[in-house]
């Protein structure tokens, strides 16, 4: 009877622990032992590993065996080793097979310490931040494009010395340039030519008379 009670207590404890790691809807959770083997994980992690690596994970298996990218595998191993040395930290990282899907995550790493003070494993809590990183990328791209556009804009400021008769402008080199040429050189403005009605009447009076 005593053994039956202990078994029931163990089942209840496992059920509680399972409920705890499954409760955060948007958080990916997994735990590894010192050999990088799965101790526990929630359904979010299982689905994520399937989505980004095409992997069907199992408890007791080495997580590194499921990571097909050598770069990502080495990055994960380095992070795990830091935790197993007793460090806790948070990183923003990108993981995933390009043939499946690469996504950004905010990862919280912590060691698992037993009642003797020994490190017996590690936990990782991940939040998918792909949408946020995509928005940041688009925002930074827009800022860069706007900055480039501003850098290419030329503005005329200050007092311009203009001849009162011919309307030429004196440059910083003491040259006199036609106003059209000066504005074209110092701004993005372009000119097209036409005649206002007053000038047409002065220059081509016959045309005005004919039109009447």
N, C-alpha and C. Protein backbone atom coordinates (compact mmCIF):
# COMPACT_ATOMS: atom_id res chain seq x y z
N UNK A 1 0.83 -1.20 0.00
CA UNK A 1 0.00 0.00 0.00
C UNK A 1 0.87 1.26 0.00
N UNK A 2 1.99 1.18 0.73
CA UNK A 2 2.88 2.32 0.81
C UNK A 2 3.46 2.65 -0.56
N UNK A 3 3.86 1.60 -1.31
CA UNK A 3 4.42 1.80 -2.64
C UNK A 3 3.37 2.38 -3.57
N UNK A 4 2.12 1.90 -3.43
CA UNK A 4 1.05 2.43 -4.27
C UNK A 4 0.85 3.91 -4.02
N UNK A 5 0.94 4.30 -2.74
CA UNK A 5 0.80 5.71 -2.40
C UNK A 5 1.91 6.55 -2.98
N UNK A 6 3.14 6.03 -2.93
CA UNK A 6 4.28 6.75 -3.49
C UNK A 6 4.14 6.90 -4.99
N UNK A 7 3.63 5.85 -5.65
CA UNK A 7 3.43 5.90 -7.09
C UNK A 7 2.39 6.95 -7.46
N UNK A 8 1.34 7.01 -6.67
CA UNK A 8 0.30 8.00 -6.91
C UNK A 8 0.82 9.41 -6.71
N UNK A 9 1.64 9.59 -5.66
CA UNK A 9 2.23 10.90 -5.41
C UNK A 9 3.13 11.33 -6.57
N UNK A 10 3.88 10.36 -7.11
CA UNK A 10 4.77 10.64 -8.22
C UNK A 10 3.98 11.05 -9.46
N UNK A 11 2.87 10.35 -9.69
CA UNK A 11 2.02 10.67 -10.84
C UNK A 11 1.44 12.08 -10.70
N UNK A 12 1.01 12.41 -9.48
CA UNK A 12 0.46 13.74 -9.24
C UNK A 12 1.52 14.82 -9.44
N UNK A 13 2.73 14.54 -8.94
CA UNK A 13 3.82 15.50 -9.11
C UNK A 13 4.15 15.72 -10.58
N UNK A 14 4.22 14.62 -11.34
CA UNK A 14 4.49 14.72 -12.77
C UNK A 14 3.39 15.48 -13.50
N UNK A 15 2.15 15.24 -13.08
CA UNK A 15 1.02 15.94 -13.70
C UNK A 15 1.10 17.44 -13.43
N UNK A 16 1.48 17.80 -12.20
CA UNK A 16 1.61 19.21 -11.83
C UNK A 16 2.73 19.87 -12.63
N UNK A 17 3.88 19.17 -12.70
CA UNK A 17 5.01 19.73 -13.45
C UNK A 17 4.67 19.89 -14.92
N UNK A 18 3.95 18.90 -15.47
CA UNK A 18 3.54 18.98 -16.86
C UNK A 18 2.60 20.16 -17.08
N UNK A 19 1.69 20.36 -16.14
CA UNK A 19 0.77 21.48 -16.24
C UNK A 19 1.49 22.81 -16.17
N UNK A 20 2.53 22.87 -15.35
CA UNK A 20 3.28 24.12 -15.20
C UNK A 20 3.98 24.51 -16.50
N UNK A 21 4.68 23.56 -17.12
CA UNK A 21 5.43 23.91 -18.34
C UNK A 21 4.51 24.09 -19.55
N UNK A 22 3.29 23.55 -19.46
CA UNK A 22 2.36 23.73 -20.57
C UNK A 22 1.52 25.00 -20.42
N UNK A 23 1.51 25.59 -19.23
CA UNK A 23 0.60 26.71 -18.97
C UNK A 23 0.90 27.98 -19.77
N UNK A 24 2.17 28.39 -19.98
CA UNK A 24 2.40 29.61 -20.77
C UNK A 24 2.12 29.34 -22.25
N UNK A 25 1.12 30.00 -22.79
CA UNK A 25 0.71 29.71 -24.16
C UNK A 25 1.75 30.09 -25.22
N UNK A 26 2.45 31.19 -24.97
CA UNK A 26 3.37 31.70 -26.00
C UNK A 26 4.84 31.49 -25.65
N UNK A 27 5.11 30.65 -24.67
CA UNK A 27 6.50 30.43 -24.24
C UNK A 27 6.91 29.00 -24.60
N UNK A 28 8.10 28.89 -25.16
CA UNK A 28 8.69 27.59 -25.52
C UNK A 28 9.63 27.20 -24.39
N UNK A 29 9.47 25.98 -23.85
CA UNK A 29 10.25 25.57 -22.68
C UNK A 29 10.86 24.19 -22.94
N UNK A 30 12.14 24.06 -22.60
CA UNK A 30 12.74 22.73 -22.57
C UNK A 30 13.84 22.68 -21.53
N UNK A 31 14.14 21.47 -21.06
CA UNK A 31 15.18 21.23 -20.07
C UNK A 31 16.07 20.10 -20.54
N UNK A 32 17.38 20.25 -20.31
CA UNK A 32 18.37 19.25 -20.72
C UNK A 32 19.22 18.85 -19.54
N UNK A 33 19.80 17.63 -19.62
CA UNK A 33 20.77 17.23 -18.61
C UNK A 33 22.15 17.70 -19.03
N UNK A 34 23.18 17.33 -18.33
CA UNK A 34 24.53 17.82 -18.63
C UNK A 34 25.09 17.27 -19.94
N UNK A 35 24.42 16.27 -20.52
CA UNK A 35 24.84 15.73 -21.81
C UNK A 35 23.99 16.25 -22.95
N UNK A 36 23.27 17.35 -22.74
CA UNK A 36 22.39 17.99 -23.71
C UNK A 36 21.19 17.12 -24.09
N UNK A 37 20.86 16.13 -23.23
CA UNK A 37 19.73 15.25 -23.52
C UNK A 37 18.45 15.80 -22.88
N UNK A 38 17.34 15.60 -23.58
CA UNK A 38 16.06 16.11 -23.10
C UNK A 38 15.64 15.47 -21.78
N UNK A 39 15.32 16.33 -20.80
CA UNK A 39 14.68 15.90 -19.57
C UNK A 39 13.18 16.13 -19.67
N UNK A 40 12.84 17.31 -20.21
CA UNK A 40 11.43 17.69 -20.36
C UNK A 40 11.31 18.78 -21.40
N UNK A 41 10.12 18.90 -21.96
CA UNK A 41 9.82 20.01 -22.88
C UNK A 41 8.31 20.13 -22.99
N UNK A 42 7.85 21.33 -23.38
CA UNK A 42 6.41 21.49 -23.56
C UNK A 42 6.03 21.32 -25.03
N UNK A 43 4.74 21.33 -25.29
CA UNK A 43 4.27 21.09 -26.66
C UNK A 43 4.70 22.21 -27.60
N UNK A 44 4.88 23.43 -27.07
CA UNK A 44 5.35 24.52 -27.93
C UNK A 44 6.74 24.24 -28.48
N UNK A 45 7.59 23.66 -27.64
CA UNK A 45 8.94 23.32 -28.11
C UNK A 45 8.89 22.19 -29.14
N UNK A 46 8.08 21.20 -28.86
CA UNK A 46 7.96 20.09 -29.82
C UNK A 46 7.49 20.59 -31.18
N UNK A 47 6.49 21.48 -31.19
CA UNK A 47 5.98 22.03 -32.45
C UNK A 47 7.03 22.91 -33.14
N UNK A 48 7.78 23.66 -32.33
CA UNK A 48 8.81 24.53 -32.89
C UNK A 48 9.92 23.73 -33.56
N UNK A 49 10.38 22.67 -32.90
CA UNK A 49 11.44 21.83 -33.48
C UNK A 49 10.98 21.19 -34.78
N UNK A 50 9.71 20.86 -34.86
CA UNK A 50 9.16 20.29 -36.10
C UNK A 50 9.12 21.36 -37.18
N UNK A 51 8.73 22.59 -36.80
CA UNK A 51 8.57 23.67 -37.78
C UNK A 51 9.90 24.16 -38.34
N UNK A 52 10.92 24.32 -37.48
CA UNK A 52 12.16 24.94 -37.95
C UNK A 52 13.25 23.93 -38.32
N UNK A 53 13.13 22.70 -37.85
CA UNK A 53 14.14 21.68 -38.18
C UNK A 53 13.53 20.45 -38.84
N UNK A 54 12.22 20.34 -38.85
CA UNK A 54 11.59 19.14 -39.39
C UNK A 54 11.84 17.93 -38.52
N UNK A 55 12.04 18.14 -37.21
CA UNK A 55 12.45 17.07 -36.30
C UNK A 55 11.30 16.58 -35.43
N UNK A 56 11.25 15.29 -35.22
CA UNK A 56 10.32 14.67 -34.26
C UNK A 56 11.15 14.31 -33.03
N UNK A 57 11.09 15.14 -32.00
CA UNK A 57 11.98 14.99 -30.86
C UNK A 57 11.46 13.94 -29.87
N UNK A 58 12.38 13.40 -29.05
CA UNK A 58 12.05 12.41 -28.02
C UNK A 58 12.85 12.71 -26.76
N UNK A 59 12.26 12.46 -25.61
CA UNK A 59 12.97 12.63 -24.36
C UNK A 59 14.13 11.64 -24.29
N UNK A 60 15.24 12.08 -23.71
CA UNK A 60 16.42 11.24 -23.62
C UNK A 60 17.37 11.40 -24.80
N UNK A 61 16.90 12.06 -25.87
CA UNK A 61 17.75 12.28 -27.04
C UNK A 61 18.50 13.59 -26.92
N UNK A 62 19.65 13.67 -27.58
CA UNK A 62 20.49 14.86 -27.57
C UNK A 62 19.90 15.91 -28.51
N UNK A 63 19.61 17.09 -27.98
CA UNK A 63 18.99 18.13 -28.80
C UNK A 63 19.87 18.54 -29.97
N UNK A 64 21.20 18.45 -29.79
CA UNK A 64 22.11 18.87 -30.86
C UNK A 64 21.99 17.98 -32.08
N UNK A 65 21.55 16.74 -31.88
CA UNK A 65 21.39 15.82 -33.01
C UNK A 65 20.26 16.25 -33.94
N UNK A 66 19.35 17.09 -33.44
CA UNK A 66 18.22 17.53 -34.25
C UNK A 66 18.51 18.82 -35.01
N UNK A 67 19.62 19.49 -34.65
CA UNK A 67 19.95 20.78 -35.28
C UNK A 67 20.86 20.52 -36.47
N UNK A 68 20.33 20.69 -37.67
CA UNK A 68 21.06 20.31 -38.87
C UNK A 68 22.09 21.35 -39.31
N UNK A 69 21.94 22.60 -38.87
CA UNK A 69 22.90 23.64 -39.23
C UNK A 69 24.10 23.58 -38.30
N UNK A 70 25.30 23.45 -38.87
CA UNK A 70 26.51 23.39 -38.06
C UNK A 70 26.71 24.67 -37.26
N UNK A 71 26.44 25.81 -37.89
CA UNK A 71 26.60 27.09 -37.20
C UNK A 71 25.65 27.18 -36.01
N UNK A 72 24.39 26.82 -36.22
CA UNK A 72 23.42 26.88 -35.12
C UNK A 72 23.74 25.84 -34.05
N UNK A 73 24.24 24.68 -34.45
CA UNK A 73 24.58 23.64 -33.49
C UNK A 73 25.72 24.09 -32.58
N UNK A 74 26.74 24.71 -33.15
CA UNK A 74 27.86 25.20 -32.36
C UNK A 74 27.44 26.35 -31.45
N UNK A 75 26.55 27.20 -31.96
CA UNK A 75 26.04 28.31 -31.15
C UNK A 75 25.26 27.77 -29.95
N UNK A 76 24.41 26.78 -30.19
CA UNK A 76 23.63 26.20 -29.10
C UNK A 76 24.53 25.51 -28.08
N UNK A 77 25.52 24.76 -28.56
CA UNK A 77 26.44 24.07 -27.65
C UNK A 77 27.19 25.07 -26.76
N UNK A 78 27.65 26.16 -27.35
CA UNK A 78 28.37 27.18 -26.60
C UNK A 78 27.48 27.77 -25.50
N UNK A 79 26.22 28.04 -25.84
CA UNK A 79 25.28 28.57 -24.84
C UNK A 79 25.03 27.57 -23.72
N UNK A 80 24.84 26.30 -24.09
CA UNK A 80 24.59 25.27 -23.08
C UNK A 80 25.78 25.13 -22.13
N UNK A 81 26.98 25.16 -22.70
CA UNK A 81 28.18 25.01 -21.87
C UNK A 81 28.33 26.17 -20.88
N UNK A 82 27.95 27.37 -21.31
CA UNK A 82 28.01 28.52 -20.40
C UNK A 82 27.04 28.33 -19.24
N UNK A 83 25.86 27.80 -19.53
CA UNK A 83 24.89 27.57 -18.45
C UNK A 83 25.41 26.51 -17.48
N UNK A 84 25.98 25.44 -18.03
CA UNK A 84 26.47 24.35 -17.19
C UNK A 84 27.67 24.78 -16.34
N UNK A 85 28.23 25.95 -16.66
CA UNK A 85 29.28 26.53 -15.82
C UNK A 85 28.69 27.43 -14.73
N UNK A 86 27.35 27.52 -14.72
CA UNK A 86 26.68 28.28 -13.68
C UNK A 86 26.20 29.66 -14.08
N UNK A 87 26.29 30.00 -15.36
CA UNK A 87 25.88 31.32 -15.80
C UNK A 87 24.41 31.34 -16.21
N UNK A 88 23.75 32.47 -15.96
CA UNK A 88 22.39 32.71 -16.44
C UNK A 88 22.42 33.95 -17.33
N UNK A 89 21.70 33.91 -18.44
CA UNK A 89 21.74 35.04 -19.37
C UNK A 89 20.55 34.99 -20.32
N UNK A 90 20.35 36.10 -21.02
CA UNK A 90 19.27 36.22 -22.01
C UNK A 90 19.87 36.69 -23.32
N UNK A 91 19.44 36.06 -24.42
CA UNK A 91 19.94 36.41 -25.75
C UNK A 91 18.79 36.51 -26.74
N UNK A 92 19.00 37.34 -27.77
CA UNK A 92 18.11 37.32 -28.93
C UNK A 92 18.87 36.60 -30.04
N UNK A 93 18.26 35.50 -30.53
CA UNK A 93 18.97 34.65 -31.49
C UNK A 93 18.03 34.20 -32.60
N UNK A 94 18.65 33.80 -33.70
CA UNK A 94 17.90 33.25 -34.82
C UNK A 94 18.29 31.80 -35.02
N UNK A 95 17.30 30.94 -35.15
CA UNK A 95 17.53 29.51 -35.37
C UNK A 95 16.59 28.99 -36.44
N UNK A 96 17.02 27.90 -37.09
CA UNK A 96 16.13 27.22 -38.02
C UNK A 96 16.82 26.88 -39.33
N UNK A 97 16.35 25.81 -39.93
CA UNK A 97 16.83 25.37 -41.24
C UNK A 97 16.20 26.25 -42.31
N UNK A 98 17.01 26.81 -43.20
CA UNK A 98 16.47 27.67 -44.25
C UNK A 98 15.52 26.90 -45.16
N UNK A 99 15.66 25.57 -45.20
CA UNK A 99 14.74 24.77 -46.02
C UNK A 99 13.37 24.67 -45.35
N UNK A 100 13.31 24.96 -44.07
CA UNK A 100 12.03 24.94 -43.34
C UNK A 100 11.63 26.36 -42.97
N UNK A 101 12.23 26.88 -41.92
CA UNK A 101 11.90 28.25 -41.48
C UNK A 101 12.92 28.70 -40.44
N UNK A 102 13.42 29.93 -40.63
CA UNK A 102 14.29 30.53 -39.61
C UNK A 102 13.49 31.61 -38.89
N UNK A 103 13.58 31.58 -37.56
CA UNK A 103 12.82 32.54 -36.76
C UNK A 103 13.70 33.11 -35.65
N UNK A 104 13.30 34.27 -35.14
CA UNK A 104 14.01 34.93 -34.06
C UNK A 104 13.36 34.59 -32.72
N UNK A 105 14.22 34.41 -31.70
CA UNK A 105 13.73 34.08 -30.37
C UNK A 105 14.48 34.89 -29.32
N UNK A 106 13.77 35.24 -28.26
CA UNK A 106 14.41 35.76 -27.06
C UNK A 106 14.55 34.59 -26.10
N UNK A 107 15.78 34.20 -25.80
CA UNK A 107 16.06 32.99 -25.04
C UNK A 107 16.58 33.32 -23.65
N UNK A 108 15.96 32.72 -22.64
CA UNK A 108 16.39 32.90 -21.25
C UNK A 108 17.01 31.58 -20.78
N UNK A 109 18.30 31.60 -20.47
CA UNK A 109 19.06 30.41 -20.10
C UNK A 109 19.34 30.40 -18.59
N UNK A 110 19.11 29.25 -17.95
CA UNK A 110 19.40 29.10 -16.52
C UNK A 110 19.85 27.68 -16.21
N UNK A 111 20.76 27.52 -15.24
CA UNK A 111 21.16 26.16 -14.83
C UNK A 111 20.12 25.54 -13.90
N UNK A 112 20.09 24.21 -13.87
CA UNK A 112 19.29 23.47 -12.88
C UNK A 112 20.24 23.02 -11.78
N UNK A 113 19.97 23.41 -10.54
CA UNK A 113 20.85 23.11 -9.41
C UNK A 113 20.10 22.23 -8.41
N UNK A 114 20.72 21.12 -8.01
CA UNK A 114 20.06 20.21 -7.06
C UNK A 114 20.25 20.70 -5.62
N UNK A 115 19.72 19.92 -4.66
CA UNK A 115 19.76 20.35 -3.26
C UNK A 115 21.17 20.34 -2.67
N UNK A 116 22.13 19.76 -3.39
CA UNK A 116 23.52 19.76 -2.94
C UNK A 116 24.31 20.94 -3.53
N UNK A 117 23.65 21.68 -4.43
CA UNK A 117 24.33 22.81 -5.06
C UNK A 117 25.03 22.46 -6.35
N UNK A 118 24.83 21.21 -6.81
CA UNK A 118 25.48 20.77 -8.06
C UNK A 118 24.58 21.11 -9.25
N UNK A 119 25.21 21.48 -10.36
CA UNK A 119 24.48 21.74 -11.60
C UNK A 119 24.21 20.42 -12.30
N UNK A 120 22.95 20.10 -12.48
CA UNK A 120 22.57 18.81 -13.08
C UNK A 120 21.89 18.96 -14.44
N UNK A 121 21.80 20.18 -14.92
CA UNK A 121 21.17 20.40 -16.21
C UNK A 121 20.90 21.87 -16.46
N UNK A 122 20.00 22.13 -17.38
CA UNK A 122 19.71 23.51 -17.75
C UNK A 122 18.28 23.64 -18.26
N UNK A 123 17.76 24.84 -18.16
CA UNK A 123 16.45 25.15 -18.73
C UNK A 123 16.58 26.32 -19.69
N UNK A 124 15.73 26.31 -20.72
CA UNK A 124 15.69 27.41 -21.67
C UNK A 124 14.22 27.79 -21.88
N UNK A 125 13.94 29.07 -21.71
CA UNK A 125 12.61 29.62 -21.97
C UNK A 125 12.73 30.54 -23.18
N UNK A 126 11.97 30.26 -24.21
CA UNK A 126 12.07 31.03 -25.45
C UNK A 126 10.74 31.70 -25.78
N UNK A 127 10.85 32.93 -26.31
CA UNK A 127 9.69 33.64 -26.83
C UNK A 127 9.95 33.99 -28.28
N UNK A 128 9.03 33.64 -29.16
CA UNK A 128 9.18 33.94 -30.58
C UNK A 128 8.99 35.44 -30.80
N UNK A 129 10.05 36.11 -31.29
CA UNK A 129 10.00 37.56 -31.51
C UNK A 129 10.20 37.89 -32.99
N UNK A 130 9.88 36.93 -33.87
CA UNK A 130 10.11 37.12 -35.30
C UNK A 130 9.36 38.33 -35.84
N UNK A 131 8.10 38.48 -35.48
CA UNK A 131 7.32 39.61 -35.99
C UNK A 131 7.92 40.94 -35.54
N UNK A 132 8.36 41.00 -34.28
CA UNK A 132 8.96 42.23 -33.77
C UNK A 132 10.26 42.55 -34.51
N UNK A 133 11.09 41.52 -34.73
CA UNK A 133 12.36 41.75 -35.42
C UNK A 133 12.13 42.15 -36.88
N UNK A 134 11.09 41.58 -37.50
CA UNK A 134 10.77 41.95 -38.87
C UNK A 134 10.34 43.41 -38.95
N UNK A 135 9.52 43.84 -37.98
CA UNK A 135 9.10 45.24 -37.93
C UNK A 135 10.29 46.16 -37.68
N UNK A 136 11.21 45.75 -36.80
CA UNK A 136 12.40 46.55 -36.53
C UNK A 136 13.26 46.67 -37.79
N UNK A 137 13.38 45.56 -38.52
CA UNK A 137 14.17 45.57 -39.76
C UNK A 137 13.55 46.52 -40.78
N UNK A 138 12.21 46.45 -40.94
CA UNK A 138 11.54 47.32 -41.89
C UNK A 138 11.66 48.78 -41.47
N UNK A 139 11.54 49.04 -40.14
CA UNK A 139 11.67 50.40 -39.65
C UNK A 139 13.07 50.94 -39.91
N UNK A 140 14.10 50.13 -39.61
CA UNK A 140 15.48 50.57 -39.83
C UNK A 140 15.76 50.78 -41.32
N UNK A 141 15.17 49.93 -42.15
CA UNK A 141 15.33 50.08 -43.60
C UNK A 141 14.72 51.39 -44.06
N UNK A 142 13.52 51.71 -43.53
CA UNK A 142 12.85 52.95 -43.90
C UNK A 142 13.65 54.16 -43.42
N UNK A 143 14.18 54.08 -42.18
CA UNK A 143 14.98 55.18 -41.66
C UNK A 143 16.21 55.41 -42.53
N UNK A 144 16.85 54.31 -42.95
CA UNK A 144 18.03 54.43 -43.82
C UNK A 144 17.67 55.06 -45.15
N UNK A 145 16.55 54.63 -45.72
CA UNK A 145 16.11 55.19 -47.01
C UNK A 145 15.80 56.68 -46.89
N UNK A 146 15.14 57.05 -45.79
CA UNK A 146 14.81 58.46 -45.58
C UNK A 146 16.07 59.29 -45.36
N UNK A 147 17.03 58.73 -44.61
CA UNK A 147 18.28 59.44 -44.37
C UNK A 147 19.05 59.64 -45.68
N UNK A 148 19.06 58.59 -46.51
CA UNK A 148 19.73 58.70 -47.81
C UNK A 148 19.05 59.76 -48.67
N UNK A 149 17.71 59.78 -48.61
CA UNK A 149 16.98 60.78 -49.39
C UNK A 149 17.30 62.19 -48.91
N UNK A 150 17.37 62.36 -47.57
CA UNK A 150 17.69 63.67 -47.02
C UNK A 150 19.11 64.09 -47.38
N UNK A 151 20.02 63.11 -47.38
CA UNK A 151 21.41 63.41 -47.72
C UNK A 151 21.54 63.90 -49.16
N UNK A 152 20.60 63.44 -50.02
CA UNK A 152 20.66 63.81 -51.43
C UNK A 152 19.90 65.10 -51.75
N UNK A 153 19.18 65.60 -50.76
CA UNK A 153 18.43 66.84 -50.98
C UNK A 153 19.36 68.04 -50.80
N UNK A 154 19.36 68.92 -51.77
CA UNK A 154 20.15 70.14 -51.68
C UNK A 154 19.18 71.30 -51.44
N UNK A 155 19.49 72.13 -50.46
CA UNK A 155 18.62 73.24 -50.12
C UNK A 155 19.34 74.56 -50.29
N UNK A 156 18.61 75.56 -50.77
CA UNK A 156 19.14 76.91 -50.88
C UNK A 156 18.76 77.70 -49.63
N UNK A 157 19.76 78.20 -48.94
CA UNK A 157 19.49 78.98 -47.74
C UNK A 157 20.33 80.25 -47.74
N UNK A 158 19.92 81.20 -46.95
CA UNK A 158 20.69 82.43 -46.80
C UNK A 158 20.36 83.45 -47.88
N UNK A 159 21.16 84.52 -47.92
CA UNK A 159 20.96 85.60 -48.89
C UNK A 159 21.70 85.29 -50.19
N UNK A 160 21.03 85.51 -51.32
CA UNK A 160 21.64 85.29 -52.62
C UNK A 160 21.88 86.64 -53.29
N UNK A 161 23.14 86.93 -53.64
CA UNK A 161 23.43 88.20 -54.33
C UNK A 161 23.00 88.13 -55.79
N UNK A 162 21.97 88.88 -56.15
CA UNK A 162 21.39 88.83 -57.50
C UNK A 162 21.58 90.18 -58.18
N UNK A 163 22.03 90.14 -59.44
CA UNK A 163 22.14 91.36 -60.23
C UNK A 163 20.75 91.94 -60.45
N UNK A 164 20.58 93.22 -60.13
CA UNK A 164 19.26 93.84 -60.24
C UNK A 164 18.82 94.02 -61.68
N UNK A 165 19.77 93.90 -62.62
CA UNK A 165 19.41 94.09 -64.02
C UNK A 165 19.23 92.76 -64.77
N UNK A 166 20.31 91.94 -64.81
CA UNK A 166 20.23 90.69 -65.58
C UNK A 166 19.77 89.49 -64.77
N UNK A 167 19.69 89.67 -63.44
CA UNK A 167 19.22 88.63 -62.53
C UNK A 167 20.19 87.45 -62.38
N UNK A 168 21.46 87.63 -62.80
CA UNK A 168 22.44 86.59 -62.53
C UNK A 168 22.79 86.58 -61.05
N UNK A 169 23.28 85.42 -60.59
CA UNK A 169 23.63 85.26 -59.18
C UNK A 169 25.13 85.13 -59.04
N UNK A 170 25.67 85.85 -58.03
CA UNK A 170 27.10 85.76 -57.77
C UNK A 170 27.38 84.54 -56.89
N UNK A 171 28.31 83.67 -57.32
CA UNK A 171 28.64 82.46 -56.59
C UNK A 171 29.71 82.74 -55.55
N UNK A 172 30.03 81.71 -54.75
CA UNK A 172 31.08 81.84 -53.75
C UNK A 172 32.45 82.05 -54.37
N UNK A 173 32.58 81.71 -55.68
CA UNK A 173 33.84 81.93 -56.40
C UNK A 173 33.87 83.26 -57.13
N UNK A 174 32.90 84.12 -56.82
CA UNK A 174 32.79 85.46 -57.43
C UNK A 174 32.45 85.39 -58.91
N UNK A 175 31.93 84.25 -59.36
CA UNK A 175 31.43 84.15 -60.73
C UNK A 175 29.96 84.55 -60.74
N UNK A 176 29.51 84.97 -61.91
CA UNK A 176 28.09 85.31 -62.07
C UNK A 176 27.45 84.27 -62.98
N UNK A 177 26.44 83.63 -62.46
CA UNK A 177 25.77 82.56 -63.20
C UNK A 177 24.30 82.92 -63.43
N UNK A 178 23.75 82.47 -64.55
CA UNK A 178 22.30 82.63 -64.75
C UNK A 178 21.55 81.95 -63.61
N UNK A 179 20.46 82.54 -63.22
CA UNK A 179 19.72 82.04 -62.06
C UNK A 179 19.30 80.58 -62.24
N UNK A 180 18.96 80.19 -63.46
CA UNK A 180 18.53 78.81 -63.72
C UNK A 180 19.68 77.84 -63.44
N UNK A 181 20.86 78.22 -63.94
CA UNK A 181 22.02 77.35 -63.75
C UNK A 181 22.36 77.22 -62.27
N UNK A 182 22.31 78.33 -61.54
CA UNK A 182 22.66 78.32 -60.12
C UNK A 182 21.70 77.45 -59.32
N UNK A 183 20.41 77.62 -59.55
CA UNK A 183 19.42 76.83 -58.80
C UNK A 183 19.54 75.36 -59.13
N UNK A 184 19.80 75.05 -60.39
CA UNK A 184 19.96 73.65 -60.80
C UNK A 184 21.16 73.00 -60.11
N UNK A 185 22.23 73.77 -59.93
CA UNK A 185 23.44 73.25 -59.29
C UNK A 185 23.29 73.10 -57.78
N UNK A 186 22.43 73.89 -57.18
CA UNK A 186 22.33 73.91 -55.73
C UNK A 186 21.03 73.33 -55.19
N UNK A 187 20.27 72.68 -56.02
CA UNK A 187 19.03 72.04 -55.56
C UNK A 187 18.68 70.92 -56.51
N UNK A 188 17.57 70.27 -56.23
CA UNK A 188 17.09 69.20 -57.10
C UNK A 188 16.06 69.71 -58.13
N UNK A 189 15.88 71.03 -58.17
CA UNK A 189 14.88 71.61 -59.08
C UNK A 189 15.35 71.52 -60.52
N UNK A 190 14.40 71.29 -61.43
CA UNK A 190 14.65 71.30 -62.86
C UNK A 190 13.73 72.35 -63.50
N UNK A 191 14.14 72.85 -64.66
CA UNK A 191 13.39 73.92 -65.30
C UNK A 191 12.79 73.46 -66.62
N UNK A 192 11.61 73.95 -66.88
CA UNK A 192 11.01 73.88 -68.22
C UNK A 192 10.64 75.31 -68.59
N UNK A 193 10.56 75.61 -69.88
CA UNK A 193 10.40 76.99 -70.31
C UNK A 193 9.06 77.23 -70.99
N UNK A 194 8.54 78.38 -70.70
CA UNK A 194 7.31 78.84 -71.33
C UNK A 194 7.32 80.36 -71.28
N UNK A 195 6.20 80.99 -71.71
CA UNK A 195 6.07 82.44 -71.66
C UNK A 195 4.80 82.81 -70.93
N UNK A 196 4.94 83.78 -70.03
CA UNK A 196 3.74 84.26 -69.36
C UNK A 196 2.97 85.16 -70.33
N UNK A 197 1.70 85.43 -70.11
CA UNK A 197 0.90 86.27 -71.02
C UNK A 197 1.49 87.66 -71.23
N UNK A 198 2.07 88.24 -70.19
CA UNK A 198 2.64 89.58 -70.33
C UNK A 198 3.80 89.59 -71.31
N UNK A 199 4.67 88.57 -71.20
CA UNK A 199 5.81 88.51 -72.11
C UNK A 199 5.37 88.17 -73.54
N UNK A 200 4.38 87.35 -73.69
CA UNK A 200 3.87 87.04 -75.02
C UNK A 200 3.36 88.31 -75.70
N UNK A 201 2.66 89.15 -74.94
CA UNK A 201 2.11 90.38 -75.53
C UNK A 201 3.22 91.35 -75.93
N UNK A 202 4.34 91.34 -75.17
CA UNK A 202 5.45 92.22 -75.49
C UNK A 202 6.27 91.70 -76.65
N UNK A 203 6.51 90.40 -76.66
CA UNK A 203 7.41 89.83 -77.66
C UNK A 203 6.69 89.48 -78.97
N UNK A 204 5.46 89.10 -78.86
CA UNK A 204 4.73 88.66 -80.04
C UNK A 204 3.37 89.36 -80.11
N UNK A 205 3.39 90.66 -80.26
CA UNK A 205 2.11 91.39 -80.30
C UNK A 205 1.22 90.98 -81.45
N UNK A 206 1.84 90.57 -82.58
CA UNK A 206 1.05 90.16 -83.75
C UNK A 206 0.20 88.93 -83.42
N UNK A 207 0.74 88.05 -82.62
CA UNK A 207 -0.01 86.84 -82.26
C UNK A 207 -1.24 87.21 -81.44
N UNK A 208 -1.09 88.22 -80.56
CA UNK A 208 -2.21 88.64 -79.73
C UNK A 208 -3.28 89.28 -80.61
N UNK A 209 -2.85 90.11 -81.56
CA UNK A 209 -3.80 90.76 -82.43
C UNK A 209 -4.55 89.75 -83.28
N UNK A 210 -3.82 88.74 -83.82
CA UNK A 210 -4.45 87.73 -84.66
C UNK A 210 -5.49 86.94 -83.90
N UNK A 211 -5.19 86.71 -82.63
CA UNK A 211 -6.11 85.89 -81.84
C UNK A 211 -7.42 86.61 -81.59
N UNK A 212 -7.37 87.94 -81.63
CA UNK A 212 -8.59 88.72 -81.46
C UNK A 212 -9.41 88.70 -82.74
